[in-house]
Structure formats: structure tokens, C-alpha cells
């Protein structure tokens, strides 16, 4: 699965939902490839990446996004806890 291509094509709500579906399928079918298989380690991995994200964008030769909606991102992660 080439997630970089999928991520590059995310431009809408529907694209994002398709990405999440692919990510879920990848976890089910290729769990041995996942470094963080439990929710706690997954969230800790995301937190660590966010702390170092400037380096990721620099290494990939991509401009760091300047319009990140951190409040929406926080809501998105929170509702995964409570929504069915």
C-alpha cells in the first residue's frame, strides 16, 4: 500500500474518509508492519511525531503547513473516544 500517494490525493472529506478506511484495512491485514498496535502507543507515536514534525517536512522537502487547525485536530481525536 502506497500511503504517500493516498495522502497526496486527500483533498476533501470523502478523500479523508477513504484514507481512514484504507488505514483501518491496512491495520487489519498488515498488523505486523505497524510499530504502534495499541491505541496508547499509537497516540504517543502521533504526539512524538507532532513534536518533531518540522524535521519530517524538512527531510521530505515539503513546506511545513501554516494553516493547521489544531482545535479541529484535537476534536477529531477526541470524538474517536466517544462516537460510535
PDB file of N, CA and C in Angstrom:
ATOM      1  N   UNK A   1       0.842  -1.175   0.000  1.00  0.00           N
ATOM      2  CA  UNK A   1       0.000   0.000   0.000  1.00  0.00           C
ATOM      3  C   UNK A   1       0.887   1.238   0.000  1.00  0.00           C
ATOM      4  N   UNK A   2       0.669   2.115  -0.942  1.00  0.00           N
ATOM      5  CA  UNK A   2       1.447   3.351  -1.026  1.00  0.00           C
ATOM      6  C   UNK A   2       0.662   4.492  -0.380  1.00  0.00           C
ATOM      7  N   UNK A   3       0.862   4.644   0.929  1.00  0.00           N
ATOM      8  CA  UNK A   3       0.109   5.655   1.655  1.00  0.00           C
ATOM      9  C   UNK A   3       0.514   7.068   1.276  1.00  0.00           C
ATOM     10  N   UNK A   4       1.743   7.274   0.821  1.00  0.00           N
ATOM     11  CA  UNK A   4       2.130   8.618   0.386  1.00  0.00           C
ATOM     12  C   UNK A   4       1.263   9.079  -0.769  1.00  0.00           C
ATOM     13  N   UNK A   5       0.980   8.197  -1.715  1.00  0.00           N
ATOM     14  CA  UNK A   5       0.108   8.556  -2.844  1.00  0.00           C
ATOM     15  C   UNK A   5      -1.309   8.838  -2.372  1.00  0.00           C
ATOM     16  N   UNK A   6      -1.793   8.006  -1.465  1.00  0.00           N
ATOM     17  CA  UNK A   6      -3.150   8.200  -0.945  1.00  0.00           C
ATOM     18  C   UNK A   6      -3.234   9.539  -0.212  1.00  0.00           C
ATOM     19  N   UNK A   7      -2.252   9.812   0.625  1.00  0.00           N
ATOM     20  CA  UNK A   7      -2.245  11.061   1.392  1.00  0.00           C
ATOM     21  C   UNK A   7      -2.188  12.262   0.452  1.00  0.00           C
ATOM     22  N   UNK A   8      -1.374  12.181  -0.581  1.00  0.00           N
ATOM     23  CA  UNK A   8      -1.261  13.290  -1.532  1.00  0.00           C
ATOM     24  C   UNK A   8      -2.566  13.576  -2.255  1.00  0.00           C
ATOM     25  N   UNK A   9      -3.451  12.580  -2.331  1.00  0.00           N
ATOM     26  CA  UNK A   9      -4.726  12.747  -3.021  1.00  0.00           C
ATOM     27  C   UNK A   9      -5.870  13.132  -2.092  1.00  0.00           C
ATOM     28  N   UNK A  10      -5.594  13.364  -0.808  1.00  0.00           N
ATOM     29  CA  UNK A  10      -6.646  13.748   0.137  1.00  0.00           C
ATOM     30  C   UNK A  10      -6.892  15.248   0.004  1.00  0.00           C
ATOM     31  N   UNK A  11      -8.037  15.578  -0.578  1.00  0.00           N
ATOM     32  CA  UNK A  11      -8.403  16.979  -0.793  1.00  0.00           C
ATOM     33  C   UNK A  11      -9.835  17.285  -0.377  1.00  0.00           C
ATOM     34  N   UNK A  12     -10.509  16.300   0.193  1.00  0.00           N
ATOM     35  CA  UNK A  12     -11.905  16.506   0.573  1.00  0.00           C
ATOM     36  C   UNK A  12     -12.249  15.604   1.754  1.00  0.00           C
ATOM     37  N   UNK A  13     -13.403  15.827   2.305  1.00  0.00           N
ATOM     38  CA  UNK A  13     -13.902  14.991   3.390  1.00  0.00           C
ATOM     39  C   UNK A  13     -13.983  13.541   2.932  1.00  0.00           C
ATOM     40  N   UNK A  14     -14.481  13.331   1.717  1.00  0.00           N
ATOM     41  CA  UNK A  14     -14.624  11.973   1.184  1.00  0.00           C
ATOM     42  C   UNK A  14     -13.263  11.307   0.989  1.00  0.00           C
ATOM     43  N   UNK A  15     -12.293  12.072   0.503  1.00  0.00           N
ATOM     44  CA  UNK A  15     -10.937  11.542   0.352  1.00  0.00           C
ATOM     45  C   UNK A  15     -10.357  11.148   1.705  1.00  0.00           C
ATOM     46  N   UNK A  16     -10.602  11.982   2.712  1.00  0.00           N
ATOM     47  CA  UNK A  16     -10.091  11.700   4.050  1.00  0.00           C
ATOM     48  C   UNK A  16     -10.733  10.447   4.619  1.00  0.00           C
ATOM     49  N   UNK A  17     -12.029  10.301   4.413  1.00  0.00           N
ATOM     50  CA  UNK A  17     -12.722   9.106   4.888  1.00  0.00           C
ATOM     51  C   UNK A  17     -12.200   7.861   4.175  1.00  0.00           C
ATOM     52  N   UNK A  18     -11.927   7.963   2.882  1.00  0.00           N
ATOM     53  CA  UNK A  18     -11.361   6.838   2.127  1.00  0.00           C
ATOM     54  C   UNK A  18      -9.971   6.496   2.663  1.00  0.00           C
ATOM     55  N   UNK A  19      -9.186   7.518   2.999  1.00  0.00           N
ATOM     56  CA  UNK A  19      -7.870   7.293   3.591  1.00  0.00           C
ATOM     57  C   UNK A  19      -7.996   6.539   4.912  1.00  0.00           C
ATOM     58  N   UNK A  20      -8.908   6.977   5.777  1.00  0.00           N
ATOM     59  CA  UNK A  20      -9.090   6.300   7.062  1.00  0.00           C
ATOM     60  C   UNK A  20      -9.527   4.853   6.874  1.00  0.00           C
ATOM     61  N   UNK A  21     -10.390   4.611   5.909  1.00  0.00           N
ATOM     62  CA  UNK A  21     -10.830   3.245   5.603  1.00  0.00           C
ATOM     63  C   UNK A  21      -9.630   2.391   5.186  1.00  0.00           C
ATOM     64  N   UNK A  22      -8.781   2.932   4.317  1.00  0.00           N
ATOM     65  CA  UNK A  22      -7.578   2.208   3.884  1.00  0.00           C
ATOM     66  C   UNK A  22      -6.636   1.954   5.058  1.00  0.00           C
ATOM     67  N   UNK A  23      -6.506   2.942   5.944  1.00  0.00           N
ATOM     68  CA  UNK A  23      -5.651   2.788   7.109  1.00  0.00           C
ATOM     69  C   UNK A  23      -6.171   1.678   8.022  1.00  0.00           C
ATOM     70  N   UNK A  24      -7.477   1.632   8.225  1.00  0.00           N
ATOM     71  CA  UNK A  24      -8.083   0.565   9.034  1.00  0.00           C
ATOM     72  C   UNK A  24      -7.855  -0.806   8.396  1.00  0.00           C
ATOM     73  N   UNK A  25      -8.051  -0.882   7.089  1.00  0.00           N
ATOM     74  CA  UNK A  25      -7.826  -2.150   6.384  1.00  0.00           C
ATOM     75  C   UNK A  25      -6.364  -2.571   6.487  1.00  0.00           C
ATOM     76  N   UNK A  26      -5.462  -1.622   6.356  1.00  0.00           N
ATOM     77  CA  UNK A  26      -4.037  -1.917   6.466  1.00  0.00           C
ATOM     78  C   UNK A  26      -3.717  -2.485   7.842  1.00  0.00           C
ATOM     79  N   UNK A  27      -4.292  -1.898   8.869  1.00  0.00           N
ATOM     80  CA  UNK A  27      -4.069  -2.392  10.243  1.00  0.00           C
ATOM     81  C   UNK A  27      -4.569  -3.822  10.394  1.00  0.00           C
ATOM     82  N   UNK A  28      -5.739  -4.114   9.818  1.00  0.00           N
ATOM     83  CA  UNK A  28      -6.305  -5.463   9.919  1.00  0.00           C
ATOM     84  C   UNK A  28      -5.492  -6.481   9.124  1.00  0.00           C
ATOM     85  N   UNK A  29      -5.015  -6.083   7.953  1.00  0.00           N
ATOM     86  CA  UNK A  29      -4.361  -7.026   7.054  1.00  0.00           C
ATOM     87  C   UNK A  29      -2.845  -7.096   7.230  1.00  0.00           C
ATOM     88  N   UNK A  30      -2.238  -6.048   7.747  1.00  0.00           N
ATOM     89  CA  UNK A  30      -0.786  -5.994   7.847  1.00  0.00           C
ATOM     90  C   UNK A  30      -0.337  -5.512   9.227  1.00  0.00           C
ATOM     91  N   UNK A  31      -0.934  -6.035  10.257  1.00  0.00           N
ATOM     92  CA  UNK A  31      -0.637  -5.558  11.613  1.00  0.00           C
ATOM     93  C   UNK A  31       0.840  -5.739  11.974  1.00  0.00           C
ATOM     94  N   UNK A  32       1.501  -6.709  11.352  1.00  0.00           N
ATOM     95  CA  UNK A  32       2.917  -6.929  11.650  1.00  0.00           C
ATOM     96  C   UNK A  32       3.795  -5.766  11.183  1.00  0.00           C
ATOM     97  N   UNK A  33       3.281  -4.929  10.282  1.00  0.00           N
ATOM     98  CA  UNK A  33       4.030  -3.772   9.798  1.00  0.00           C
ATOM     99  C   UNK A  33       3.844  -2.539  10.680  1.00  0.00           C
ATOM    100  N   UNK A  34       2.934  -2.613  11.631  1.00  0.00           N
ATOM    101  CA  UNK A  34       2.616  -1.460  12.472  1.00  0.00           C
ATOM    102  C   UNK A  34       3.518  -1.439  13.702  1.00  0.00           C
ATOM    103  N   UNK A  35       4.175  -0.316  13.906  1.00  0.00           N
ATOM    104  CA  UNK A  35       5.005  -0.122  15.095  1.00  0.00           C
ATOM    105  C   UNK A  35       4.122   0.033  16.337  1.00  0.00           C
ATOM    106  N   UNK A  36       2.999   0.735  16.194  1.00  0.00           N
ATOM    107  CA  UNK A  36       2.116   1.060  17.329  1.00  0.00           C
ATOM    108  C   UNK A  36       0.769   0.373  17.127  1.00  0.00           C
ATOM    109  N   UNK A  37       0.616  -0.784  17.751  1.00  0.00           N
ATOM    110  CA  UNK A  37      -0.594  -1.572  17.537  1.00  0.00           C
ATOM    111  C   UNK A  37      -1.663  -1.336  18.601  1.00  0.00           C
ATOM    112  N   UNK A  38      -1.296  -0.731  19.699  1.00  0.00           N
ATOM    113  CA  UNK A  38      -2.270  -0.410  20.744  1.00  0.00           C
ATOM    114  C   UNK A  38      -2.559   1.081  20.691  1.00  0.00           C
ATOM    115  N   UNK A  39      -3.752   1.471  21.093  1.00  0.00           N
ATOM    116  CA  UNK A  39      -4.177   2.861  20.978  1.00  0.00           C
ATOM    117  C   UNK A  39      -3.249   3.804  21.750  1.00  0.00           C
ATOM    118  N   UNK A  40      -2.782   3.395  22.913  1.00  0.00           N
ATOM    119  CA  UNK A  40      -1.910   4.273  23.699  1.00  0.00           C
ATOM    120  C   UNK A  40      -0.604   4.534  22.970  1.00  0.00           C
ATOM    121  N   UNK A  41       0.029   3.491  22.469  1.00  0.00           N
ATOM    122  CA  UNK A  41       1.291   3.690  21.754  1.00  0.00           C
ATOM    123  C   UNK A  41       1.064   4.422  20.435  1.00  0.00           C
ATOM    124  N   UNK A  42      -0.089   4.212  19.806  1.00  0.00           N
ATOM    125  CA  UNK A  42      -0.432   4.928  18.573  1.00  0.00           C
ATOM    126  C   UNK A  42      -0.532   6.431  18.831  1.00  0.00           C
ATOM    127  N   UNK A  43      -1.253   6.802  19.885  1.00  0.00           N
ATOM    128  CA  UNK A  43      -1.392   8.217  20.233  1.00  0.00           C
ATOM    129  C   UNK A  43      -0.058   8.811  20.670  1.00  0.00           C
ATOM    130  N   UNK A  44       0.742   8.055  21.415  1.00  0.00           N
ATOM    131  CA  UNK A  44       2.066   8.540  21.808  1.00  0.00           C
ATOM    132  C   UNK A  44       2.950   8.740  20.583  1.00  0.00           C
ATOM    133  N   UNK A  45       2.842   7.847  19.589  1.00  0.00           N
ATOM    134  CA  UNK A  45       3.597   7.991  18.353  1.00  0.00           C
ATOM    135  C   UNK A  45       3.206   9.256  17.604  1.00  0.00           C
ATOM    136  N   UNK A  46       1.913   9.538  17.557  1.00  0.00           N
ATOM    137  CA  UNK A  46       1.441  10.763  16.903  1.00  0.00           C
ATOM    138  C   UNK A  46       1.974  11.984  17.646  1.00  0.00           C
ATOM    139  N   UNK A  47       1.905  11.952  18.965  1.00  0.00           N
ATOM    140  CA  UNK A  47       2.389  13.080  19.767  1.00  0.00           C
ATOM    141  C   UNK A  47       3.885  13.308  19.522  1.00  0.00           C
ATOM    142  N   UNK A  48       4.662  12.246  19.504  1.00  0.00           N
ATOM    143  CA  UNK A  48       6.100  12.370  19.251  1.00  0.00           C
ATOM    144  C   UNK A  48       6.362  12.925  17.857  1.00  0.00           C
ATOM    145  N   UNK A  49       5.590  12.465  16.873  1.00  0.00           N
ATOM    146  CA  UNK A  49       5.771  12.962  15.508  1.00  0.00           C
ATOM    147  C   UNK A  49       5.444  14.455  15.429  1.00  0.00           C
ATOM    148  N   UNK A  50       4.348  14.868  16.068  1.00  0.00           N
ATOM    149  CA  UNK A  50       3.973  16.286  16.036  1.00  0.00           C
ATOM    150  C   UNK A  50       5.086  17.133  16.655  1.00  0.00           C
ATOM    151  N   UNK A  51       5.677  16.640  17.729  1.00  0.00           N
ATOM    152  CA  UNK A  51       6.766  17.376  18.362  1.00  0.00           C
ATOM    153  C   UNK A  51       7.939  17.573  17.393  1.00  0.00           C
ATOM    154  N   UNK A  52       8.199  16.584  16.545  1.00  0.00           N
ATOM    155  CA  UNK A  52       9.331  16.618  15.619  1.00  0.00           C
ATOM    156  C   UNK A  52       8.932  16.865  14.170  1.00  0.00           C
ATOM    157  N   UNK A  53       7.697  17.298  13.918  1.00  0.00           N
ATOM    158  CA  UNK A  53       7.187  17.347  12.549  1.00  0.00           C
ATOM    159  C   UNK A  53       7.960  18.293  11.633  1.00  0.00           C
ATOM    160  N   UNK A  54       8.548  19.332  12.185  1.00  0.00           N
ATOM    161  CA  UNK A  54       9.320  20.246  11.343  1.00  0.00           C
ATOM    162  C   UNK A  54      10.450  19.497  10.625  1.00  0.00           C
ATOM    163  N   UNK A  55      11.095  18.593  11.329  1.00  0.00           N
ATOM    164  CA  UNK A  55      12.161  17.797  10.738  1.00  0.00           C
ATOM    165  C   UNK A  55      11.653  16.877   9.637  1.00  0.00           C
ATOM    166  N   UNK A  56      10.457  16.300   9.831  1.00  0.00           N
ATOM    167  CA  UNK A  56       9.865  15.440   8.797  1.00  0.00           C
ATOM    168  C   UNK A  56       9.655  16.224   7.511  1.00  0.00           C
ATOM    169  N   UNK A  57       9.031  17.372   7.619  1.00  0.00           N
ATOM    170  CA  UNK A  57       8.756  18.168   6.419  1.00  0.00           C
ATOM    171  C   UNK A  57      10.054  18.620   5.758  1.00  0.00           C
ATOM    172  N   UNK A  58      11.030  18.998   6.566  1.00  0.00           N
ATOM    173  CA  UNK A  58      12.320  19.417   6.028  1.00  0.00           C
ATOM    174  C   UNK A  58      12.995  18.249   5.295  1.00  0.00           C
ATOM    175  N   UNK A  59      13.009  17.065   5.914  1.00  0.00           N
ATOM    176  CA  UNK A  59      13.632  15.894   5.290  1.00  0.00           C
ATOM    177  C   UNK A  59      12.927  15.466   4.008  1.00  0.00           C
ATOM    178  N   UNK A  60      11.616  15.677   3.943  1.00  0.00           N
ATOM    179  CA  UNK A  60      10.843  15.293   2.766  1.00  0.00           C
ATOM    180  C   UNK A  60      10.867  16.379   1.695  1.00  0.00           C
ATOM    181  N   UNK A  61      11.440  17.540   2.031  1.00  0.00           N
ATOM    182  CA  UNK A  61      11.483  18.644   1.077  1.00  0.00           C
ATOM    183  C   UNK A  61      10.116  19.251   0.819  1.00  0.00           C
ATOM    184  N   UNK A  62       9.254  19.217   1.844  1.00  0.00           N
ATOM    185  CA  UNK A  62       7.892  19.735   1.745  1.00  0.00           C
ATOM    186  C   UNK A  62       7.773  20.941   2.668  1.00  0.00           C
ATOM    187  N   UNK A  63       7.050  21.956   2.214  1.00  0.00           N
ATOM    188  CA  UNK A  63       6.807  23.115   3.073  1.00  0.00           C
ATOM    189  C   UNK A  63       5.939  22.718   4.254  1.00  0.00           C
ATOM    190  N   UNK A  64       6.305  23.202   5.417  1.00  0.00           N
ATOM    191  CA  UNK A  64       5.509  22.977   6.622  1.00  0.00           C
ATOM    192  C   UNK A  64       4.183  23.713   6.476  1.00  0.00           C
ATOM    193  N   UNK A  65       3.057  23.030   6.680  1.00  0.00           N
ATOM    194  CA  UNK A  65       1.769  23.731   6.585  1.00  0.00           C
ATOM    195  C   UNK A  65       1.691  24.855   7.605  1.00  0.00           C
ATOM    196  N   UNK A  66       1.110  25.953   7.191  1.00  0.00           N
ATOM    197  CA  UNK A  66       0.998  27.100   8.089  1.00  0.00           C
ATOM    198  C   UNK A  66      -0.431  27.306   8.578  1.00  0.00           C
ATOM    199  N   UNK A  67      -1.365  26.576   8.029  1.00  0.00           N
ATOM    200  CA  UNK A  67      -2.773  26.779   8.373  1.00  0.00           C
ATOM    201  C   UNK A  67      -3.380  25.557   9.055  1.00  0.00           C
ATOM    202  N   UNK A  68      -2.617  24.907   9.912  1.00  0.00           N
ATOM    203  CA  UNK A  68      -3.111  23.728  10.625  1.00  0.00           C
ATOM    204  C   UNK A  68      -4.165  24.166  11.637  1.00  0.00           C
ATOM    205  N   UNK A  69      -5.317  23.532  11.609  1.00  0.00           N
ATOM    206  CA  UNK A  69      -6.371  23.832  12.567  1.00  0.00           C
ATOM    207  C   UNK A  69      -6.225  22.850  13.732  1.00  0.00           C
ATOM    208  N   UNK A  70      -5.454  23.267  14.722  1.00  0.00           N
ATOM    209  CA  UNK A  70      -5.148  22.377  15.845  1.00  0.00           C
ATOM    210  C   UNK A  70      -6.383  22.056  16.678  1.00  0.00           C
ATOM    211  N   UNK A  71      -7.299  23.001  16.812  1.00  0.00           N
ATOM    212  CA  UNK A  71      -8.525  22.732  17.573  1.00  0.00           C
ATOM    213  C   UNK A  71      -9.348  21.641  16.893  1.00  0.00           C
ATOM    214  N   UNK A  72      -9.510  21.729  15.563  1.00  0.00           N
ATOM    215  CA  UNK A  72     -10.252  20.699  14.837  1.00  0.00           C
ATOM    216  C   UNK A  72      -9.554  19.346  14.967  1.00  0.00           C
ATOM    217  N   UNK A  73      -8.230  19.349  14.885  1.00  0.00           N
ATOM    218  CA  UNK A  73      -7.473  18.100  15.024  1.00  0.00           C
ATOM    219  C   UNK A  73      -7.716  17.488  16.401  1.00  0.00           C
ATOM    220  N   UNK A  74      -7.720  18.310  17.437  1.00  0.00           N
ATOM    221  CA  UNK A  74      -7.984  17.816  18.788  1.00  0.00           C
ATOM    222  C   UNK A  74      -9.395  17.244  18.889  1.00  0.00           C
ATOM    223  N   UNK A  75     -10.376  17.935  18.314  1.00  0.00           N
ATOM    224  CA  UNK A  75     -11.759  17.443  18.315  1.00  0.00           C
ATOM    225  C   UNK A  75     -11.830  16.099  17.602  1.00  0.00           C
ATOM    226  N   UNK A  76     -11.172  15.991  16.458  1.00  0.00           N
ATOM    227  CA  UNK A  76     -11.173  14.760  15.675  1.00  0.00           C
ATOM    228  C   UNK A  76     -10.686  13.571  16.502  1.00  0.00           C
ATOM    229  N   UNK A  77      -9.595  13.756  17.215  1.00  0.00           N
ATOM    230  CA  UNK A  77      -9.081  12.665  18.035  1.00  0.00           C
ATOM    231  C   UNK A  77      -9.982  12.391  19.243  1.00  0.00           C
ATOM    232  N   UNK A  78     -10.537  13.432  19.829  1.00  0.00           N
ATOM    233  CA  UNK A  78     -11.394  13.235  20.996  1.00  0.00           C
ATOM    234  C   UNK A  78     -12.652  12.461  20.637  1.00  0.00           C
ATOM    235  N   UNK A  79     -13.296  12.812  19.544  1.00  0.00           N
ATOM    236  CA  UNK A  79     -14.569  12.165  19.220  1.00  0.00           C
ATOM    237  C   UNK A  79     -14.397  10.689  18.909  1.00  0.00           C
ATOM    238  N   UNK A  80     -13.175  10.270  18.534  1.00  0.00           N
ATOM    239  CA  UNK A  80     -12.931   8.842  18.353  1.00  0.00           C
ATOM    240  C   UNK A  80     -13.132   8.069  19.648  1.00  0.00           C
ATOM    241  N   UNK A  81     -13.016   8.759  20.754  1.00  0.00           N
ATOM    242  CA  UNK A  81     -13.217   8.140  22.073  1.00  0.00           C
ATOM    243  C   UNK A  81     -14.693   7.924  22.375  1.00  0.00           C
ATOM    244  N   UNK A  82     -15.554   8.836  21.920  1.00  0.00           N
ATOM    245  CA  UNK A  82     -16.944   8.833  22.375  1.00  0.00           C
ATOM    246  C   UNK A  82     -17.971   8.482  21.302  1.00  0.00           C
ATOM    247  N   UNK A  83     -17.593   8.540  20.033  1.00  0.00           N
ATOM    248  CA  UNK A  83     -18.575   8.359  18.953  1.00  0.00           C
ATOM    249  C   UNK A  83     -18.603   6.914  18.501  1.00  0.00           C
ATOM    250  N   UNK A  84     -19.783   6.408  18.222  1.00  0.00           N
ATOM    251  CA  UNK A  84     -19.926   5.011  17.788  1.00  0.00           C
ATOM    252  C   UNK A  84     -19.719   4.872  16.310  1.00  0.00           C
TER     253      UNK A  84
END
